[in-house]
N, C-alpha and C. Protein backbone atom coordinates (compact mmCIF):
# COMPACT_ATOMS: atom_id res chain seq x y z
N MET A 1 54.07 88.03 45.69
CA MET A 1 54.60 86.75 45.25
C MET A 1 55.09 86.91 43.81
N SER A 2 56.32 86.53 43.55
CA SER A 2 56.85 86.64 42.20
C SER A 2 56.49 85.40 41.39
N ASP A 3 56.67 85.50 40.07
CA ASP A 3 56.40 84.35 39.19
C ASP A 3 57.30 83.17 39.54
N GLN A 4 58.50 83.45 40.02
CA GLN A 4 59.42 82.37 40.37
C GLN A 4 58.93 81.60 41.58
N ASP A 5 58.17 82.23 42.45
CA ASP A 5 57.66 81.58 43.65
C ASP A 5 56.35 80.84 43.39
N HIS A 6 55.77 81.03 42.21
CA HIS A 6 54.46 80.48 41.89
C HIS A 6 54.61 79.16 41.15
N ASP A 7 54.01 78.10 41.69
CA ASP A 7 54.06 76.78 41.07
C ASP A 7 52.80 76.58 40.24
N ASP A 8 52.95 76.61 38.93
CA ASP A 8 51.78 76.42 38.06
C ASP A 8 51.97 75.26 37.09
N ASP A 9 52.79 74.28 37.48
CA ASP A 9 53.00 73.10 36.63
C ASP A 9 51.69 72.36 36.38
N HIS A 10 50.77 72.40 37.33
CA HIS A 10 49.50 71.69 37.19
C HIS A 10 48.61 72.28 36.08
N LEU A 11 49.00 73.41 35.55
CA LEU A 11 48.22 74.05 34.49
C LEU A 11 48.81 73.85 33.10
N GLU A 12 49.89 73.08 32.99
CA GLU A 12 50.56 72.91 31.70
C GLU A 12 49.65 72.35 30.62
N SER A 13 48.73 71.45 30.98
CA SER A 13 47.87 70.82 29.97
C SER A 13 46.63 71.65 29.65
N VAL A 14 46.45 72.77 30.32
CA VAL A 14 45.31 73.65 30.05
C VAL A 14 45.66 74.54 28.87
N PRO A 15 44.81 74.54 27.84
CA PRO A 15 45.11 75.36 26.65
C PRO A 15 45.17 76.85 26.98
N VAL A 16 46.07 77.56 26.29
CA VAL A 16 46.17 79.00 26.45
C VAL A 16 44.84 79.62 26.05
N GLY A 17 44.35 80.53 26.85
CA GLY A 17 43.08 81.19 26.57
C GLY A 17 41.87 80.45 27.09
N ALA A 18 42.07 79.33 27.77
CA ALA A 18 40.95 78.56 28.30
C ALA A 18 40.24 79.36 29.37
N GLY A 19 38.94 79.18 29.44
CA GLY A 19 38.15 79.85 30.46
C GLY A 19 38.03 78.98 31.70
N CYS A 20 37.29 79.47 32.66
CA CYS A 20 37.13 78.78 33.94
C CYS A 20 36.60 77.36 33.75
N THR A 21 35.62 77.19 32.89
CA THR A 21 35.02 75.87 32.69
C THR A 21 36.05 74.88 32.18
N GLU A 22 36.83 75.27 31.19
CA GLU A 22 37.85 74.37 30.64
C GLU A 22 38.91 74.04 31.69
N ILE A 23 39.29 75.03 32.48
CA ILE A 23 40.30 74.80 33.52
C ILE A 23 39.76 73.80 34.54
N TRP A 24 38.53 74.01 35.02
CA TRP A 24 37.94 73.11 36.01
C TRP A 24 37.79 71.71 35.43
N GLU A 25 37.36 71.59 34.17
CA GLU A 25 37.21 70.27 33.55
C GLU A 25 38.55 69.55 33.47
N THR A 26 39.57 70.26 33.05
CA THR A 26 40.90 69.66 32.93
C THR A 26 41.41 69.19 34.28
N LEU A 27 41.31 70.04 35.29
CA LEU A 27 41.80 69.67 36.61
C LEU A 27 40.96 68.55 37.23
N SER A 28 39.65 68.57 37.02
CA SER A 28 38.78 67.52 37.55
C SER A 28 39.07 66.18 36.90
N GLU A 29 39.26 66.18 35.58
CA GLU A 29 39.59 64.95 34.88
C GLU A 29 40.92 64.38 35.37
N ARG A 30 41.90 65.25 35.55
CA ARG A 30 43.20 64.80 36.03
C ARG A 30 43.08 64.22 37.44
N ARG A 31 42.31 64.88 38.29
CA ARG A 31 42.12 64.39 39.67
C ARG A 31 41.43 63.03 39.66
N ALA A 32 40.41 62.87 38.83
CA ALA A 32 39.71 61.59 38.74
C ALA A 32 40.64 60.48 38.26
N GLU A 33 41.49 60.78 37.28
CA GLU A 33 42.45 59.79 36.78
C GLU A 33 43.44 59.40 37.87
N GLU A 34 43.92 60.39 38.62
CA GLU A 34 44.88 60.11 39.69
C GLU A 34 44.23 59.27 40.79
N GLU A 35 42.98 59.57 41.13
CA GLU A 35 42.28 58.79 42.15
C GLU A 35 42.05 57.37 41.67
N SER A 36 41.69 57.22 40.40
CA SER A 36 41.47 55.89 39.83
C SER A 36 42.77 55.09 39.83
N ASP A 37 43.86 55.73 39.43
CA ASP A 37 45.16 55.06 39.42
C ASP A 37 45.57 54.65 40.83
N ALA A 38 45.34 55.52 41.80
CA ALA A 38 45.70 55.22 43.18
C ALA A 38 44.85 54.06 43.71
N GLU A 39 43.57 54.04 43.34
CA GLU A 39 42.68 52.96 43.78
C GLU A 39 43.11 51.63 43.16
N LYS A 40 43.46 51.64 41.87
CA LYS A 40 43.94 50.42 41.21
C LYS A 40 45.22 49.93 41.87
N GLU A 41 46.12 50.85 42.18
CA GLU A 41 47.38 50.48 42.81
C GLU A 41 47.13 49.87 44.18
N LEU A 42 46.20 50.44 44.93
CA LEU A 42 45.86 49.92 46.25
C LEU A 42 45.27 48.52 46.13
N ASN A 43 44.39 48.31 45.15
CA ASN A 43 43.78 47.00 44.95
C ASN A 43 44.83 45.95 44.57
N VAL A 44 45.79 46.33 43.77
CA VAL A 44 46.85 45.40 43.37
C VAL A 44 47.69 45.04 44.59
N GLU A 45 47.98 46.03 45.43
CA GLU A 45 48.76 45.78 46.64
C GLU A 45 48.01 44.85 47.58
N GLU A 46 46.68 44.96 47.61
CA GLU A 46 45.87 44.12 48.49
C GLU A 46 45.58 42.76 47.87
N GLY A 47 45.93 42.58 46.62
CA GLY A 47 45.76 41.29 45.97
C GLY A 47 44.47 41.12 45.21
N SER A 48 43.66 42.14 45.06
CA SER A 48 42.45 42.04 44.26
C SER A 48 42.54 43.02 43.10
N ASP A 49 41.90 42.65 42.03
CA ASP A 49 41.89 43.50 40.85
C ASP A 49 40.45 43.61 40.37
N PRO A 50 39.79 44.76 40.65
CA PRO A 50 38.39 44.90 40.28
C PRO A 50 38.14 44.86 38.78
N SER A 51 39.15 45.04 37.98
CA SER A 51 38.96 44.97 36.53
C SER A 51 39.08 43.53 36.02
N ASP A 52 39.43 42.58 36.89
CA ASP A 52 39.57 41.19 36.51
C ASP A 52 38.28 40.45 36.85
N PRO A 53 37.47 40.06 35.83
CA PRO A 53 36.20 39.40 36.11
C PRO A 53 36.37 38.03 36.77
N ALA A 54 37.53 37.43 36.67
CA ALA A 54 37.79 36.13 37.28
C ALA A 54 38.25 36.24 38.72
N ASP A 55 38.43 37.45 39.21
CA ASP A 55 38.92 37.66 40.57
C ASP A 55 37.76 37.43 41.54
N PRO A 56 37.85 36.42 42.42
CA PRO A 56 36.74 36.12 43.34
C PRO A 56 36.57 37.15 44.46
N ALA A 57 37.52 38.06 44.62
CA ALA A 57 37.42 39.06 45.68
C ALA A 57 36.35 40.10 45.40
N ASP A 58 35.86 40.16 44.18
CA ASP A 58 34.84 41.17 43.83
C ASP A 58 33.51 40.83 44.41
C-alpha cells in the first residue's frame, strides 16, 4: 500500500512524536465528541433537548 492510498486524515490533530497513549486519547476524545454531537442532533430532531432543564421530555 502506498502513502497515496493511505487515509490518515484522522491523525491530523495528533502531535508529531505522540505515543500510543496520546493517540488513543485523542481518537477516543474525538469519538466521544462525535457521539455526543450525534446524540444532541437526534434529540433536536425528536423535539427534546436534554440540556434544556425546562424541557418536560426529560
